[in-house]
């Protein structure tokens, strides 16, 4: 996985669940973090391995933002039901 792959995957997890400004902010944070670690002597691969799975990071961000998701990253309501199927 490359830095671009990581950022793209993170954006995909957050897409539709956060505003574009929030997504840009989180993506920018991780891109700057990765670049800083590389400037400090780590390889891109080392930094990405240390960060871990961008999908899990995305789910953690959504949890911190108060957006509940199921194991597939789909937004759910307080009853644990997929919000895409609610009409009200």
C-alpha atoms as a PDB file:
ATOM      1  CA  UNK A   1       0.000   0.000   0.000  1.00  0.00           C
ATOM      2  CA  UNK A   2       1.212   3.487  -0.814  1.00  0.00           C
ATOM      3  CA  UNK A   3       0.481   6.766   0.944  1.00  0.00           C
ATOM      4  CA  UNK A   4      -2.001   7.614  -1.812  1.00  0.00           C
ATOM      5  CA  UNK A   5      -3.737   4.239  -1.372  1.00  0.00           C
ATOM      6  CA  UNK A   6      -3.955   4.808   2.380  1.00  0.00           C
ATOM      7  CA  UNK A   7      -5.468   8.294   2.004  1.00  0.00           C
ATOM      8  CA  UNK A   8      -7.901   7.121  -0.700  1.00  0.00           C
ATOM      9  CA  UNK A   9      -9.105   4.208   1.420  1.00  0.00           C
ATOM     10  CA  UNK A  10      -9.513   6.480   4.455  1.00  0.00           C
ATOM     11  CA  UNK A  11     -11.537   8.935   2.361  1.00  0.00           C
ATOM     12  CA  UNK A  12     -13.752   6.098   1.080  1.00  0.00           C
ATOM     13  CA  UNK A  13     -14.581   4.979   4.623  1.00  0.00           C
ATOM     14  CA  UNK A  14     -15.496   8.520   5.649  1.00  0.00           C
ATOM     15  CA  UNK A  15     -17.320   9.380   2.421  1.00  0.00           C
ATOM     16  CA  UNK A  16     -21.027  10.012   2.845  1.00  0.00           C
ATOM     17  CA  UNK A  17     -20.737   9.973   6.613  1.00  0.00           C
ATOM     18  CA  UNK A  18     -18.839  13.224   7.235  1.00  0.00           C
ATOM     19  CA  UNK A  19     -18.797  16.554   5.441  1.00  0.00           C
ATOM     20  CA  UNK A  20     -16.245  17.046   2.688  1.00  0.00           C
ATOM     21  CA  UNK A  21     -14.473  19.584   4.924  1.00  0.00           C
ATOM     22  CA  UNK A  22     -14.153  17.032   7.742  1.00  0.00           C
ATOM     23  CA  UNK A  23     -12.930  14.357   5.330  1.00  0.00           C
ATOM     24  CA  UNK A  24     -10.361  16.762   3.866  1.00  0.00           C
ATOM     25  CA  UNK A  25      -9.184  17.687   7.358  1.00  0.00           C
ATOM     26  CA  UNK A  26      -8.675  14.071   8.430  1.00  0.00           C
ATOM     27  CA  UNK A  27      -6.992  13.138   5.134  1.00  0.00           C
ATOM     28  CA  UNK A  28      -4.705  16.174   5.384  1.00  0.00           C
ATOM     29  CA  UNK A  29      -3.776  15.251   8.970  1.00  0.00           C
ATOM     30  CA  UNK A  30      -2.715  11.728   7.996  1.00  0.00           C
ATOM     31  CA  UNK A  31      -0.903  12.881   4.868  1.00  0.00           C
ATOM     32  CA  UNK A  32       1.053  15.456   6.889  1.00  0.00           C
ATOM     33  CA  UNK A  33       1.783  12.874   9.601  1.00  0.00           C
ATOM     34  CA  UNK A  34       3.093  10.376   7.048  1.00  0.00           C
ATOM     35  CA  UNK A  35       5.238  13.047   5.366  1.00  0.00           C
ATOM     36  CA  UNK A  36       6.660  14.175   8.730  1.00  0.00           C
ATOM     37  CA  UNK A  37       7.598  10.624   9.696  1.00  0.00           C
ATOM     38  CA  UNK A  38       9.303  10.129   6.334  1.00  0.00           C
ATOM     39  CA  UNK A  39      11.256  13.370   6.848  1.00  0.00           C
ATOM     40  CA  UNK A  40      12.302  11.967  10.233  1.00  0.00           C
ATOM     41  CA  UNK A  41      13.942   8.996   8.526  1.00  0.00           C
ATOM     42  CA  UNK A  42      11.260   6.319   8.343  1.00  0.00           C
ATOM     43  CA  UNK A  43      10.271   4.708   5.081  1.00  0.00           C
ATOM     44  CA  UNK A  44       6.738   5.088   3.742  1.00  0.00           C
ATOM     45  CA  UNK A  45       6.227   1.366   4.308  1.00  0.00           C
ATOM     46  CA  UNK A  46       7.311   1.614   7.962  1.00  0.00           C
ATOM     47  CA  UNK A  47       4.973   4.531   8.619  1.00  0.00           C
ATOM     48  CA  UNK A  48       1.989   2.855   6.978  1.00  0.00           C
ATOM     49  CA  UNK A  49       2.626  -0.416   8.805  1.00  0.00           C
ATOM     50  CA  UNK A  50       2.748   1.464  12.106  1.00  0.00           C
ATOM     51  CA  UNK A  51      -0.499   3.294  11.338  1.00  0.00           C
ATOM     52  CA  UNK A  52      -2.323   0.102  10.433  1.00  0.00           C
ATOM     53  CA  UNK A  53      -5.489  -0.418   8.438  1.00  0.00           C
ATOM     54  CA  UNK A  54      -7.010   2.830   7.133  1.00  0.00           C
ATOM     55  CA  UNK A  55     -10.488   1.265   7.361  1.00  0.00           C
ATOM     56  CA  UNK A  56     -10.059   0.775  11.103  1.00  0.00           C
ATOM     57  CA  UNK A  57      -8.740   4.308  11.452  1.00  0.00           C
ATOM     58  CA  UNK A  58     -11.746   5.571   9.516  1.00  0.00           C
ATOM     59  CA  UNK A  59     -14.132   3.682  11.778  1.00  0.00           C
ATOM     60  CA  UNK A  60     -12.350   5.126  14.823  1.00  0.00           C
ATOM     61  CA  UNK A  61     -12.753   8.615  13.383  1.00  0.00           C
ATOM     62  CA  UNK A  62     -16.462   7.988  12.776  1.00  0.00           C
ATOM     63  CA  UNK A  63     -16.855   6.710  16.338  1.00  0.00           C
ATOM     64  CA  UNK A  64     -15.114   9.828  17.664  1.00  0.00           C
ATOM     65  CA  UNK A  65     -17.391  12.003  15.517  1.00  0.00           C
ATOM     66  CA  UNK A  66     -20.445  10.210  16.921  1.00  0.00           C
ATOM     67  CA  UNK A  67     -21.323   8.350  13.713  1.00  0.00           C
ATOM     68  CA  UNK A  68     -22.235   4.750  14.471  1.00  0.00           C
ATOM     69  CA  UNK A  69     -21.263   2.147  11.884  1.00  0.00           C
ATOM     70  CA  UNK A  70     -21.588  -1.614  11.598  1.00  0.00           C
ATOM     71  CA  UNK A  71     -18.732  -4.008  10.819  1.00  0.00           C
ATOM     72  CA  UNK A  72     -18.993  -3.069   7.119  1.00  0.00           C
ATOM     73  CA  UNK A  73     -18.681   0.672   7.769  1.00  0.00           C
ATOM     74  CA  UNK A  74     -22.345   1.309   7.003  1.00  0.00           C
ATOM     75  CA  UNK A  75     -23.990   3.994   9.103  1.00  0.00           C
ATOM     76  CA  UNK A  76     -26.507   2.619  11.597  1.00  0.00           C
ATOM     77  CA  UNK A  77     -29.081   4.206  13.875  1.00  0.00           C
ATOM     78  CA  UNK A  78     -29.402   3.914  17.645  1.00  0.00           C
ATOM     79  CA  UNK A  79     -31.269   0.595  17.276  1.00  0.00           C
ATOM     80  CA  UNK A  80     -28.398  -0.856  15.237  1.00  0.00           C
ATOM     81  CA  UNK A  81     -30.316  -0.763  11.948  1.00  0.00           C
ATOM     82  CA  UNK A  82     -28.849   0.315   8.627  1.00  0.00           C
ATOM     83  CA  UNK A  83     -29.862   3.954   8.081  1.00  0.00           C
ATOM     84  CA  UNK A  84     -30.059   3.544   4.299  1.00  0.00           C
ATOM     85  CA  UNK A  85     -33.354   1.707   4.666  1.00  0.00           C
ATOM     86  CA  UNK A  86     -35.151   4.260   6.810  1.00  0.00           C
ATOM     87  CA  UNK A  87     -37.665   6.490   5.107  1.00  0.00           C
ATOM     88  CA  UNK A  88     -38.392   8.904   7.944  1.00  0.00           C
END
